[in-house]
Amino acid sequence: MNLKTGAITFEEREAAAYDEQAVLENKQKKAAAAAEKPVFHGCPGSAMRQFDRQQAAPAAAPAAAQPSQLAQWPCQIKLVPVNAPYFDGAKLLIAADCTAYAYANIHQEFMRGHVTLIGCPKLDAVDYSEKLTEIIRNNDIKSVTVLRMEVPCCGGLEHAAVTSRRSCDSAPPAAILGSGRYNLIFSPVPASLFTS
């Protein structure tokens, strides 16, 4: 057995005397700072946020209510039948649950003229790939658009759409519209992402 010597050394030096009162005061300051701003550990999509939205002054005459553009029921990916008649010739919008709340004009800008499917891979704890593959494979889908948030959990929705499209022999044109984490800022993703 070959033991090296000198691996540990001791150094003596002058240090200030232990001040218990200063230590207790410092601990109280740190505890007060932590209470003001709770520390978050976990998925960024679950982190608390509060938005400081400026409230617009009410219009002189209220605008007419916008009608819903939801074209079918059910709309949850988990609940739709794969052979529903509304899929035939449809433009498909696959949207993360949160997008409808993050973007007020989703009905007019994205849902109009589309069959809308919604889901959340984090809350549903499921891979939607098989279901979406069956929908695309067994119906005449004209296009697929994925609307997602920037948070990591939405990556599962995008992955399911890409996987299902790649699994089909003849797949419709597709686009993924990514969004800002909490505000939708759209930027189309190249269709090459969908090709094998």
Protein backbone atom coordinates (compact mmCIF):
# COMPACT_ATOMS: atom_id res chain seq x y z
CA MET A 1 0.00 0.00 0.00
CA ASN A 2 1.50 3.30 -1.10
CA LEU A 3 0.29 6.27 0.98
CA LYS A 4 1.30 9.79 0.04
CA THR A 5 2.26 12.14 2.79
CA GLY A 6 1.62 15.86 2.92
CA ALA A 7 -1.79 15.64 1.24
CA ILE A 8 -3.35 17.55 4.13
CA THR A 9 -1.80 20.60 5.69
CA PHE A 10 -2.91 22.88 8.49
CA GLU A 11 -2.61 26.61 8.44
CA GLU A 12 -3.00 28.81 11.47
CA ARG A 13 -4.00 32.46 11.14
CA GLU A 14 -5.60 35.24 13.06
CA ALA A 15 -9.41 35.52 12.90
CA ALA A 16 -11.98 37.81 14.44
CA ALA A 17 -13.63 36.47 17.56
CA TYR A 18 -16.96 34.67 17.12
CA ASP A 19 -19.82 37.17 17.50
CA GLU A 20 -23.03 35.26 18.17
CA GLN A 21 -25.17 38.43 18.04
CA ALA A 22 -23.86 39.34 14.55
CA VAL A 23 -24.52 35.79 13.33
CA LEU A 24 -28.13 35.87 14.60
CA GLU A 25 -28.75 39.30 13.00
CA ASN A 26 -27.39 38.06 9.66
CA LYS A 27 -29.61 34.95 9.81
CA GLN A 28 -32.67 37.16 10.49
CA LYS A 29 -31.83 39.41 7.52
CA LYS A 30 -31.49 36.40 5.22
CA ALA A 31 -34.76 34.89 6.47
CA ALA A 32 -36.60 38.19 5.92
CA ALA A 33 -35.22 38.47 2.38
CA ALA A 34 -36.25 34.89 1.60
CA ALA A 35 -39.77 35.51 2.95
CA GLU A 36 -40.17 38.52 0.64
CA LYS A 37 -39.15 36.57 -2.46
CA PRO A 38 -39.84 32.85 -2.24
CA VAL A 39 -37.23 30.64 -3.88
CA PHE A 40 -38.62 28.43 -6.63
CA HIS A 41 -37.29 24.98 -7.48
CA GLY A 42 -38.88 23.08 -10.32
CA CYS A 43 -40.19 23.43 -13.85
CA PRO A 44 -39.94 27.01 -15.15
CA GLY A 45 -43.49 26.71 -16.47
CA SER A 46 -44.75 26.31 -12.91
CA ALA A 47 -42.89 29.30 -11.48
CA MET A 48 -45.11 32.06 -10.09
CA ARG A 49 -45.30 35.24 -12.14
CA GLN A 50 -47.44 38.32 -11.84
CA PHE A 51 -47.84 40.56 -14.84
CA ASP A 52 -48.14 44.30 -14.52
CA ARG A 53 -50.64 44.90 -17.30
CA GLN A 54 -51.75 48.46 -17.83
CA GLN A 55 -55.52 48.57 -17.80
CA ALA A 56 -56.80 50.38 -20.87
CA ALA A 57 -59.48 52.99 -20.36
CA PRO A 58 -62.89 51.61 -21.27
CA ALA A 59 -64.05 52.49 -24.77
CA ALA A 60 -66.93 54.93 -25.11
CA ALA A 61 -69.04 52.18 -26.63
CA PRO A 62 -68.22 48.58 -25.74
CA ALA A 63 -67.03 46.49 -28.67
CA ALA A 64 -69.28 43.70 -29.86
CA ALA A 65 -68.47 40.36 -28.29
CA GLN A 66 -66.41 38.16 -30.58
CA PRO A 67 -68.01 34.79 -31.28
CA SER A 68 -66.11 31.62 -30.47
CA GLN A 69 -64.33 30.02 -33.42
CA LEU A 70 -64.31 26.55 -31.88
CA ALA A 71 -65.50 24.30 -34.71
CA GLN A 72 -66.04 21.01 -32.85
CA TRP A 73 -66.46 19.29 -29.53
CA PRO A 74 -64.64 17.74 -27.79
CA CYS A 75 -61.43 19.65 -28.27
CA GLN A 76 -59.12 17.88 -25.78
CA ILE A 77 -56.64 15.66 -27.64
CA LYS A 78 -57.30 12.87 -25.16
CA LEU A 79 -61.05 12.97 -25.84
CA VAL A 80 -61.43 13.40 -29.61
CA PRO A 81 -62.26 10.28 -31.61
CA VAL A 82 -59.59 9.65 -34.27
CA ASN A 83 -62.20 9.11 -36.99
CA ALA A 84 -64.45 12.11 -36.28
CA PRO A 85 -66.10 13.47 -39.45
CA TYR A 86 -64.86 17.00 -38.74
CA PHE A 87 -61.26 15.88 -39.43
CA ASP A 88 -62.00 15.17 -43.09
CA GLY A 89 -60.45 18.03 -45.10
CA ALA A 90 -59.54 19.91 -41.92
CA LYS A 91 -56.81 22.37 -41.17
CA LEU A 92 -55.62 21.17 -37.77
CA LEU A 93 -54.57 23.51 -34.96
CA ILE A 94 -52.84 21.73 -32.08
CA ALA A 95 -52.62 24.26 -29.24
CA ALA A 96 -51.17 24.08 -25.77
CA ASP A 97 -53.83 24.70 -23.12
CA CYS A 98 -52.10 27.87 -21.89
CA THR A 99 -52.06 29.59 -25.28
CA ALA A 100 -55.74 30.51 -25.09
CA TYR A 101 -55.13 32.39 -21.86
CA ALA A 102 -51.85 33.96 -22.91
CA TYR A 103 -53.19 35.30 -26.22
CA ALA A 104 -56.57 37.01 -26.12
CA ASN A 105 -57.15 36.97 -29.88
CA ILE A 106 -56.50 33.25 -30.40
CA HIS A 107 -60.02 32.62 -31.75
CA GLN A 108 -59.77 35.19 -34.54
CA GLU A 109 -56.13 34.66 -35.49
CA PHE A 110 -55.62 30.93 -35.09
CA MET A 111 -58.81 28.95 -34.45
CA ARG A 112 -60.92 30.44 -37.25
CA GLY A 113 -61.24 27.86 -40.02
CA HIS A 114 -59.39 25.17 -38.07
CA VAL A 115 -60.28 22.07 -36.10
CA THR A 116 -58.71 22.86 -32.75
CA LEU A 117 -57.14 20.25 -30.50
CA ILE A 118 -55.79 21.29 -27.10
CA GLY A 119 -53.62 19.55 -24.58
CA CYS A 120 -50.90 19.86 -21.97
CA PRO A 121 -48.26 17.13 -21.84
CA LYS A 122 -47.38 18.11 -18.26
CA LEU A 123 -50.90 17.99 -16.84
CA ASP A 124 -52.13 15.08 -18.95
CA ALA A 125 -48.86 13.13 -18.38
CA VAL A 126 -49.20 11.48 -21.78
CA ASP A 127 -47.40 11.35 -25.13
CA TYR A 128 -49.92 12.46 -27.75
CA SER A 129 -47.87 11.04 -30.66
CA GLU A 130 -49.92 7.87 -31.21
CA LYS A 131 -53.27 9.67 -31.14
CA LEU A 132 -52.09 12.44 -33.47
CA THR A 133 -50.54 9.87 -35.83
CA GLU A 134 -53.89 8.06 -36.09
CA ILE A 135 -55.73 11.34 -36.71
CA ILE A 136 -53.32 12.41 -39.48
CA ARG A 137 -53.03 8.93 -41.01
CA ASN A 138 -56.77 8.16 -41.10
CA ASN A 139 -58.11 11.53 -42.24
CA ASP A 140 -57.60 14.01 -45.04
CA ILE A 141 -55.80 16.67 -42.97
CA LYS A 142 -54.87 19.69 -45.13
CA SER A 143 -52.39 21.33 -42.70
CA VAL A 144 -51.09 21.12 -39.15
CA THR A 145 -50.24 24.13 -37.01
CA VAL A 146 -48.85 23.77 -33.50
CA LEU A 147 -49.27 26.69 -31.12
CA ARG A 148 -47.13 26.40 -27.98
CA MET A 149 -45.59 28.36 -25.17
CA GLU A 150 -41.84 28.66 -24.68
CA VAL A 151 -41.82 26.71 -21.41
CA PRO A 152 -40.19 23.25 -21.51
CA CYS A 153 -43.38 21.30 -20.88
CA CYS A 154 -44.81 22.50 -24.22
CA GLY A 155 -41.91 20.78 -25.96
CA GLY A 156 -43.85 17.54 -25.50
CA LEU A 157 -46.70 18.88 -27.63
CA GLU A 158 -44.31 19.95 -30.37
CA HIS A 159 -42.49 16.60 -30.20
CA ALA A 160 -45.79 14.70 -30.53
CA ALA A 161 -46.78 16.72 -33.61
CA VAL A 162 -43.39 16.24 -35.28
CA THR A 163 -43.29 12.53 -34.44
CA SER A 164 -46.83 11.90 -35.66
CA ARG A 165 -46.23 13.76 -38.91
CA ARG A 166 -43.02 11.83 -39.57
CA SER A 167 -44.86 8.55 -38.91
CA CYS A 168 -47.32 9.14 -41.74
CA ASP A 169 -46.59 8.20 -45.35
CA SER A 170 -48.13 11.36 -46.77
CA ALA A 171 -48.14 14.20 -44.30
CA PRO A 172 -49.78 17.62 -44.67
CA PRO A 173 -47.83 20.90 -44.59
CA ALA A 174 -47.02 21.97 -41.06
CA ALA A 175 -45.75 24.87 -38.98
CA ILE A 176 -44.92 25.31 -35.33
CA LEU A 177 -45.65 28.70 -33.91
CA GLY A 178 -43.57 29.21 -30.81
CA SER A 179 -44.47 31.82 -28.31
CA GLY A 180 -42.83 33.85 -25.63
CA ARG A 181 -42.85 32.26 -22.19
CA TYR A 182 -45.77 34.28 -20.86
CA ASN A 183 -46.69 36.58 -23.73
CA LEU A 184 -47.21 35.15 -27.17
CA ILE A 185 -44.55 36.36 -29.58
CA PHE A 186 -44.94 34.26 -32.68
CA SER A 187 -42.12 33.09 -34.87
CA PRO A 188 -42.79 30.31 -37.39
CA VAL A 189 -40.44 27.35 -37.25
CA PRO A 190 -39.17 26.09 -40.64
CA ALA A 191 -41.14 23.21 -42.13
CA SER A 192 -37.81 21.36 -42.55
CA LEU A 193 -38.13 20.49 -38.87
CA PHE A 194 -40.91 18.12 -39.86
CA THR A 195 -39.09 16.28 -42.63
CA SER A 196 -37.20 13.10 -41.90
